Amino acid sequence: MKERKNIVEILDHRYKTYLEDEGRWLNEGFRNIFTDGEPSRENLKTPVYLMLPEEIREYVDQLLLDN
């Protein structure tokens, strides 16, 4: 479970500039792309996920596959 929580931390750190500029709508960071903030494919909020730039979506997909 610890590794799954790290997905949000990894995304928040890697895309810090995005969150500060264009991604302010995410409020609490990438935790908001998952239901209850629990990173998994099943908990992915598809409408929110699709609003992200393609590069970030691809990285999210990669992180979810690795876990």
PDB file of N, CA and C in Angstrom:
ATOM      1  N   MET A   1       0.827  -1.197   0.000  1.00  0.00           N
ATOM      2  CA  MET A   1       0.000   0.000   0.000  1.00  0.00           C
ATOM      3  C   MET A   1       0.869   1.257   0.000  1.00  0.00           C
ATOM      4  N   LYS A   2       2.008   1.188   0.664  1.00  0.00           N
ATOM      5  CA  LYS A   2       2.882   2.352   0.722  1.00  0.00           C
ATOM      6  C   LYS A   2       3.321   2.789  -0.673  1.00  0.00           C
ATOM      7  N   GLU A   3       3.639   1.812  -1.543  1.00  0.00           N
ATOM      8  CA  GLU A   3       4.066   2.134  -2.899  1.00  0.00           C
ATOM      9  C   GLU A   3       2.975   2.868  -3.661  1.00  0.00           C
ATOM     10  N   ARG A   4       1.734   2.495  -3.461  1.00  0.00           N
ATOM     11  CA  ARG A   4       0.624   3.141  -4.156  1.00  0.00           C
ATOM     12  C   ARG A   4       0.503   4.603  -3.747  1.00  0.00           C
ATOM     13  N   LYS A   5       0.690   4.902  -2.476  1.00  0.00           N
ATOM     14  CA  LYS A   5       0.620   6.280  -2.011  1.00  0.00           C
ATOM     15  C   LYS A   5       1.754   7.098  -2.601  1.00  0.00           C
ATOM     16  N   ASN A   6       2.878   6.457  -2.851  1.00  0.00           N
ATOM     17  CA  ASN A   6       4.011   7.155  -3.426  1.00  0.00           C
ATOM     18  C   ASN A   6       3.734   7.638  -4.846  1.00  0.00           C
ATOM     19  N   ILE A   7       2.786   7.023  -5.528  1.00  0.00           N
ATOM     20  CA  ILE A   7       2.440   7.453  -6.883  1.00  0.00           C
ATOM     21  C   ILE A   7       2.017   8.920  -6.865  1.00  0.00           C
ATOM     22  N   VAL A   8       1.197   9.295  -5.919  1.00  0.00           N
ATOM     23  CA  VAL A   8       0.746  10.691  -5.817  1.00  0.00           C
ATOM     24  C   VAL A   8       1.938  11.596  -5.527  1.00  0.00           C
ATOM     25  N   GLU A   9       2.802  11.178  -4.611  1.00  0.00           N
ATOM     26  CA  GLU A   9       3.980  11.974  -4.274  1.00  0.00           C
ATOM     27  C   GLU A   9       4.903  12.121  -5.487  1.00  0.00           C
ATOM     28  N   ILE A  10       5.085  11.041  -6.227  1.00  0.00           N
ATOM     29  CA  ILE A  10       5.931  11.075  -7.428  1.00  0.00           C
ATOM     30  C   ILE A  10       5.360  12.073  -8.437  1.00  0.00           C
ATOM     31  N   LEU A  11       4.061  11.995  -8.681  1.00  0.00           N
ATOM     32  CA  LEU A  11       3.418  12.894  -9.641  1.00  0.00           C
ATOM     33  C   LEU A  11       3.486  14.347  -9.172  1.00  0.00           C
ATOM     34  N   ASP A  12       3.193  14.571  -7.891  1.00  0.00           N
ATOM     35  CA  ASP A  12       3.235  15.932  -7.350  1.00  0.00           C
ATOM     36  C   ASP A  12       4.632  16.534  -7.483  1.00  0.00           C
ATOM     37  N   HIS A  13       5.641  15.725  -7.235  1.00  0.00           N
ATOM     38  CA  HIS A  13       7.021  16.221  -7.326  1.00  0.00           C
ATOM     39  C   HIS A  13       7.438  16.433  -8.786  1.00  0.00           C
ATOM     40  N   ARG A  14       7.189  15.445  -9.620  1.00  0.00           N
ATOM     41  CA  ARG A  14       7.631  15.522 -11.021  1.00  0.00           C
ATOM     42  C   ARG A  14       6.944  16.667 -11.779  1.00  0.00           C
ATOM     43  N   TYR A  15       5.674  16.885 -11.496  1.00  0.00           N
ATOM     44  CA  TYR A  15       4.903  17.895 -12.223  1.00  0.00           C
ATOM     45  C   TYR A  15       4.549  19.083 -11.332  1.00  0.00           C
ATOM     46  N   LYS A  16       5.457  19.433 -10.443  1.00  0.00           N
ATOM     47  CA  LYS A  16       5.258  20.557  -9.521  1.00  0.00           C
ATOM     48  C   LYS A  16       4.963  21.852 -10.281  1.00  0.00           C
ATOM     49  N   THR A  17       5.708  22.108 -11.330  1.00  0.00           N
ATOM     50  CA  THR A  17       5.505  23.324 -12.124  1.00  0.00           C
ATOM     51  C   THR A  17       4.127  23.323 -12.770  1.00  0.00           C
ATOM     52  N   TYR A  18       3.684  22.173 -13.264  1.00  0.00           N
ATOM     53  CA  TYR A  18       2.348  22.070 -13.854  1.00  0.00           C
ATOM     54  C   TYR A  18       1.296  22.414 -12.809  1.00  0.00           C
ATOM     55  N   LEU A  19       1.451  21.869 -11.600  1.00  0.00           N
ATOM     56  CA  LEU A  19       0.470  22.123 -10.536  1.00  0.00           C
ATOM     57  C   LEU A  19       0.439  23.599 -10.148  1.00  0.00           C
ATOM     58  N   GLU A  20       1.590  24.243 -10.166  1.00  0.00           N
ATOM     59  CA  GLU A  20       1.662  25.655  -9.788  1.00  0.00           C
ATOM     60  C   GLU A  20       1.079  26.567 -10.863  1.00  0.00           C
ATOM     61  N   ASP A  21       1.183  26.161 -12.110  1.00  0.00           N
ATOM     62  CA  ASP A  21       0.729  27.005 -13.221  1.00  0.00           C
ATOM     63  C   ASP A  21      -0.635  26.553 -13.751  1.00  0.00           C
ATOM     64  N   GLU A  22      -0.622  25.596 -14.635  1.00  0.00           N
ATOM     65  CA  GLU A  22      -1.835  25.149 -15.322  1.00  0.00           C
ATOM     66  C   GLU A  22      -2.715  24.222 -14.489  1.00  0.00           C
ATOM     67  N   GLY A  23      -2.126  23.523 -13.529  1.00  0.00           N
ATOM     68  CA  GLY A  23      -2.860  22.503 -12.800  1.00  0.00           C
ATOM     69  C   GLY A  23      -3.440  22.937 -11.475  1.00  0.00           C
ATOM     70  N   ARG A  24      -3.572  24.241 -11.280  1.00  0.00           N
ATOM     71  CA  ARG A  24      -4.134  24.723 -10.012  1.00  0.00           C
ATOM     72  C   ARG A  24      -5.537  24.186  -9.770  1.00  0.00           C
ATOM     73  N   TRP A  25      -6.228  23.802 -10.824  1.00  0.00           N
ATOM     74  CA  TRP A  25      -7.579  23.273 -10.698  1.00  0.00           C
ATOM     75  C   TRP A  25      -7.594  21.933  -9.948  1.00  0.00           C
ATOM     76  N   LEU A  26      -6.438  21.302  -9.798  1.00  0.00           N
ATOM     77  CA  LEU A  26      -6.376  20.038  -9.061  1.00  0.00           C
ATOM     78  C   LEU A  26      -6.372  20.243  -7.545  1.00  0.00           C
ATOM     79  N   ASN A  27      -6.272  21.476  -7.092  1.00  0.00           N
ATOM     80  CA  ASN A  27      -6.315  21.847  -5.673  1.00  0.00           C
ATOM     81  C   ASN A  27      -5.312  21.102  -4.806  1.00  0.00           C
ATOM     82  N   GLU A  28      -5.576  19.872  -4.471  1.00  0.00           N
ATOM     83  CA  GLU A  28      -4.711  19.097  -3.576  1.00  0.00           C
ATOM     84  C   GLU A  28      -3.675  18.278  -4.342  1.00  0.00           C
ATOM     85  N   GLY A  29      -3.409  18.611  -5.569  1.00  0.00           N
ATOM     86  CA  GLY A  29      -2.444  17.863  -6.357  1.00  0.00           C
ATOM     87  C   GLY A  29      -3.059  16.643  -7.017  1.00  0.00           C
ATOM     88  N   PHE A  30      -2.211  15.715  -7.384  1.00  0.00           N
ATOM     89  CA  PHE A  30      -2.649  14.555  -8.158  1.00  0.00           C
ATOM     90  C   PHE A  30      -3.480  13.563  -7.347  1.00  0.00           C
ATOM     91  N   ARG A  31      -3.588  13.789  -6.068  1.00  0.00           N
ATOM     92  CA  ARG A  31      -4.468  12.978  -5.228  1.00  0.00           C
ATOM     93  C   ARG A  31      -5.905  13.066  -5.777  1.00  0.00           C
ATOM     94  N   ASN A  32      -6.230  14.188  -6.377  1.00  0.00           N
ATOM     95  CA  ASN A  32      -7.593  14.421  -6.869  1.00  0.00           C
ATOM     96  C   ASN A  32      -7.951  13.640  -8.128  1.00  0.00           C
ATOM     97  N   ILE A  33      -7.002  12.966  -8.753  1.00  0.00           N
ATOM     98  CA  ILE A  33      -7.364  12.192  -9.939  1.00  0.00           C
ATOM     99  C   ILE A  33      -7.818  10.782  -9.561  1.00  0.00           C
ATOM    100  N   PHE A  34      -7.761  10.472  -8.257  1.00  0.00           N
ATOM    101  CA  PHE A  34      -8.174   9.159  -7.771  1.00  0.00           C
ATOM    102  C   PHE A  34      -9.300   9.300  -6.748  1.00  0.00           C
ATOM    103  N   THR A  35     -10.235   8.368  -6.769  1.00  0.00           N
ATOM    104  CA  THR A  35     -11.295   8.322  -5.770  1.00  0.00           C
ATOM    105  C   THR A  35     -10.657   8.076  -4.406  1.00  0.00           C
ATOM    106  N   ASP A  36     -11.034   8.862  -3.439  1.00  0.00           N
ATOM    107  CA  ASP A  36     -10.505   8.765  -2.075  1.00  0.00           C
ATOM    108  C   ASP A  36      -8.982   8.901  -2.023  1.00  0.00           C
ATOM    109  N   GLY A  37      -8.372   9.423  -3.080  1.00  0.00           N
ATOM    110  CA  GLY A  37      -6.934   9.621  -3.099  1.00  0.00           C
ATOM    111  C   GLY A  37      -6.123   8.342  -3.123  1.00  0.00           C
ATOM    112  N   GLU A  38      -6.768   7.212  -3.397  1.00  0.00           N
ATOM    113  CA  GLU A  38      -6.096   5.913  -3.421  1.00  0.00           C
ATOM    114  C   GLU A  38      -5.707   5.551  -4.854  1.00  0.00           C
ATOM    115  N   PRO A  39      -4.423   5.647  -5.177  1.00  0.00           N
ATOM    116  CA  PRO A  39      -3.962   5.404  -6.546  1.00  0.00           C
ATOM    117  C   PRO A  39      -4.112   3.953  -6.993  1.00  0.00           C
ATOM    118  N   SER A  40      -4.978   3.751  -7.950  1.00  0.00           N
ATOM    119  CA  SER A  40      -5.130   2.457  -8.619  1.00  0.00           C
ATOM    120  C   SER A  40      -5.941   2.696  -9.888  1.00  0.00           C
ATOM    121  N   ARG A  41      -5.856   1.768 -10.795  1.00  0.00           N
ATOM    122  CA  ARG A  41      -6.598   1.871 -12.062  1.00  0.00           C
ATOM    123  C   ARG A  41      -8.106   1.928 -11.778  1.00  0.00           C
ATOM    124  N   GLU A  42      -8.559   1.166 -10.791  1.00  0.00           N
ATOM    125  CA  GLU A  42      -9.978   1.114 -10.463  1.00  0.00           C
ATOM    126  C   GLU A  42     -10.479   2.434  -9.866  1.00  0.00           C
ATOM    127  N   ASN A  43      -9.612   3.146  -9.175  1.00  0.00           N
ATOM    128  CA  ASN A  43      -9.993   4.397  -8.511  1.00  0.00           C
ATOM    129  C   ASN A  43      -9.745   5.639  -9.357  1.00  0.00           C
ATOM    130  N   LEU A  44      -9.273   5.459 -10.560  1.00  0.00           N
ATOM    131  CA  LEU A  44      -8.976   6.599 -11.431  1.00  0.00           C
ATOM    132  C   LEU A  44     -10.267   7.309 -11.837  1.00  0.00           C
ATOM    133  N   LYS A  45     -10.308   8.598 -11.608  1.00  0.00           N
ATOM    134  CA  LYS A  45     -11.462   9.411 -12.025  1.00  0.00           C
ATOM    135  C   LYS A  45     -11.243   9.763 -13.499  1.00  0.00           C
ATOM    136  N   THR A  46     -11.868   9.020 -14.379  1.00  0.00           N
ATOM    137  CA  THR A  46     -11.636   9.150 -15.814  1.00  0.00           C
ATOM    138  C   THR A  46     -11.845  10.572 -16.343  1.00  0.00           C
ATOM    139  N   PRO A  47     -12.926  11.265 -15.994  1.00  0.00           N
ATOM    140  CA  PRO A  47     -13.096  12.624 -16.531  1.00  0.00           C
ATOM    141  C   PRO A  47     -11.964  13.577 -16.120  1.00  0.00           C
ATOM    142  N   VAL A  48     -11.500  13.438 -14.892  1.00  0.00           N
ATOM    143  CA  VAL A  48     -10.404  14.297 -14.412  1.00  0.00           C
ATOM    144  C   VAL A  48      -9.104  13.904 -15.102  1.00  0.00           C
ATOM    145  N   TYR A  49      -8.852  12.611 -15.181  1.00  0.00           N
ATOM    146  CA  TYR A  49      -7.662  12.074 -15.838  1.00  0.00           C
ATOM    147  C   TYR A  49      -7.564  12.571 -17.280  1.00  0.00           C
ATOM    148  N   LEU A  50      -8.679  12.573 -17.996  1.00  0.00           N
ATOM    149  CA  LEU A  50      -8.681  12.988 -19.403  1.00  0.00           C
ATOM    150  C   LEU A  50      -8.433  14.482 -19.584  1.00  0.00           C
ATOM    151  N   MET A  51      -8.567  15.259 -18.514  1.00  0.00           N
ATOM    152  CA  MET A  51      -8.290  16.693 -18.597  1.00  0.00           C
ATOM    153  C   MET A  51      -6.795  16.991 -18.496  1.00  0.00           C
ATOM    154  N   LEU A  52      -6.006  15.992 -18.112  1.00  0.00           N
ATOM    155  CA  LEU A  52      -4.559  16.172 -17.989  1.00  0.00           C
ATOM    156  C   LEU A  52      -3.898  16.147 -19.365  1.00  0.00           C
ATOM    157  N   PRO A  53      -2.747  16.801 -19.497  1.00  0.00           N
ATOM    158  CA  PRO A  53      -1.997  16.724 -20.752  1.00  0.00           C
ATOM    159  C   PRO A  53      -1.587  15.273 -21.050  1.00  0.00           C
ATOM    160  N   GLU A  54      -1.450  14.952 -22.304  1.00  0.00           N
ATOM    161  CA  GLU A  54      -1.135  13.582 -22.723  1.00  0.00           C
ATOM    162  C   GLU A  54       0.127  13.050 -22.050  1.00  0.00           C
ATOM    163  N   GLU A  55       1.149  13.863 -21.947  1.00  0.00           N
ATOM    164  CA  GLU A  55       2.413  13.436 -21.325  1.00  0.00           C
ATOM    165  C   GLU A  55       2.176  12.941 -19.891  1.00  0.00           C
ATOM    166  N   ILE A  56       1.372  13.670 -19.151  1.00  0.00           N
ATOM    167  CA  ILE A  56       1.104  13.294 -17.765  1.00  0.00           C
ATOM    168  C   ILE A  56       0.243  12.041 -17.714  1.00  0.00           C
ATOM    169  N   ARG A  57      -0.733  11.933 -18.593  1.00  0.00           N
ATOM    170  CA  ARG A  57      -1.572  10.719 -18.639  1.00  0.00           C
ATOM    171  C   ARG A  57      -0.725   9.483 -18.908  1.00  0.00           C
ATOM    172  N   GLU A  58       0.211   9.603 -19.831  1.00  0.00           N
ATOM    173  CA  GLU A  58       1.079   8.476 -20.154  1.00  0.00           C
ATOM    174  C   GLU A  58       1.933   8.074 -18.955  1.00  0.00           C
ATOM    175  N   TYR A  59       2.410   9.065 -18.212  1.00  0.00           N
ATOM    176  CA  TYR A  59       3.223   8.769 -17.035  1.00  0.00           C
ATOM    177  C   TYR A  59       2.370   8.136 -15.934  1.00  0.00           C
ATOM    178  N   VAL A  60       1.151   8.617 -15.751  1.00  0.00           N
ATOM    179  CA  VAL A  60       0.228   8.016 -14.779  1.00  0.00           C
ATOM    180  C   VAL A  60       0.011   6.552 -15.148  1.00  0.00           C
ATOM    181  N   ASP A  61      -0.245   6.284 -16.426  1.00  0.00           N
ATOM    182  CA  ASP A  61      -0.454   4.912 -16.882  1.00  0.00           C
ATOM    183  C   ASP A  61       0.755   4.034 -16.553  1.00  0.00           C
ATOM    184  N   GLN A  62       1.934   4.555 -16.805  1.00  0.00           N
ATOM    185  CA  GLN A  62       3.170   3.821 -16.541  1.00  0.00           C
ATOM    186  C   GLN A  62       3.302   3.506 -15.049  1.00  0.00           C
ATOM    187  N   LEU A  63       3.056   4.501 -14.200  1.00  0.00           N
ATOM    188  CA  LEU A  63       3.161   4.273 -12.764  1.00  0.00           C
ATOM    189  C   LEU A  63       2.145   3.244 -12.275  1.00  0.00           C
ATOM    190  N   LEU A  64       0.938   3.297 -12.805  1.00  0.00           N
ATOM    191  CA  LEU A  64      -0.088   2.344 -12.385  1.00  0.00           C
ATOM    192  C   LEU A  64       0.235   0.934 -12.848  1.00  0.00           C
ATOM    193  N   LEU A  65       0.848   0.789 -14.016  1.00  0.00           N
ATOM    194  CA  LEU A  65       1.230  -0.531 -14.505  1.00  0.00           C
ATOM    195  C   LEU A  65       2.355  -1.119 -13.673  1.00  0.00           C
ATOM    196  N   ASP A  66       3.267  -0.269 -13.237  1.00  0.00           N
ATOM    197  CA  ASP A  66       4.422  -0.726 -12.462  1.00  0.00           C
ATOM    198  C   ASP A  66       4.046  -1.177 -11.054  1.00  0.00           C
ATOM    199  N   ASN A  67       2.890  -0.749 -10.590  1.00  0.00           N
ATOM    200  CA  ASN A  67       2.485  -1.115  -9.221  1.00  0.00           C
ATOM    201  C   ASN A  67       1.464  -2.179  -9.268  1.00  0.00           C
TER     202      ASN A  67
END
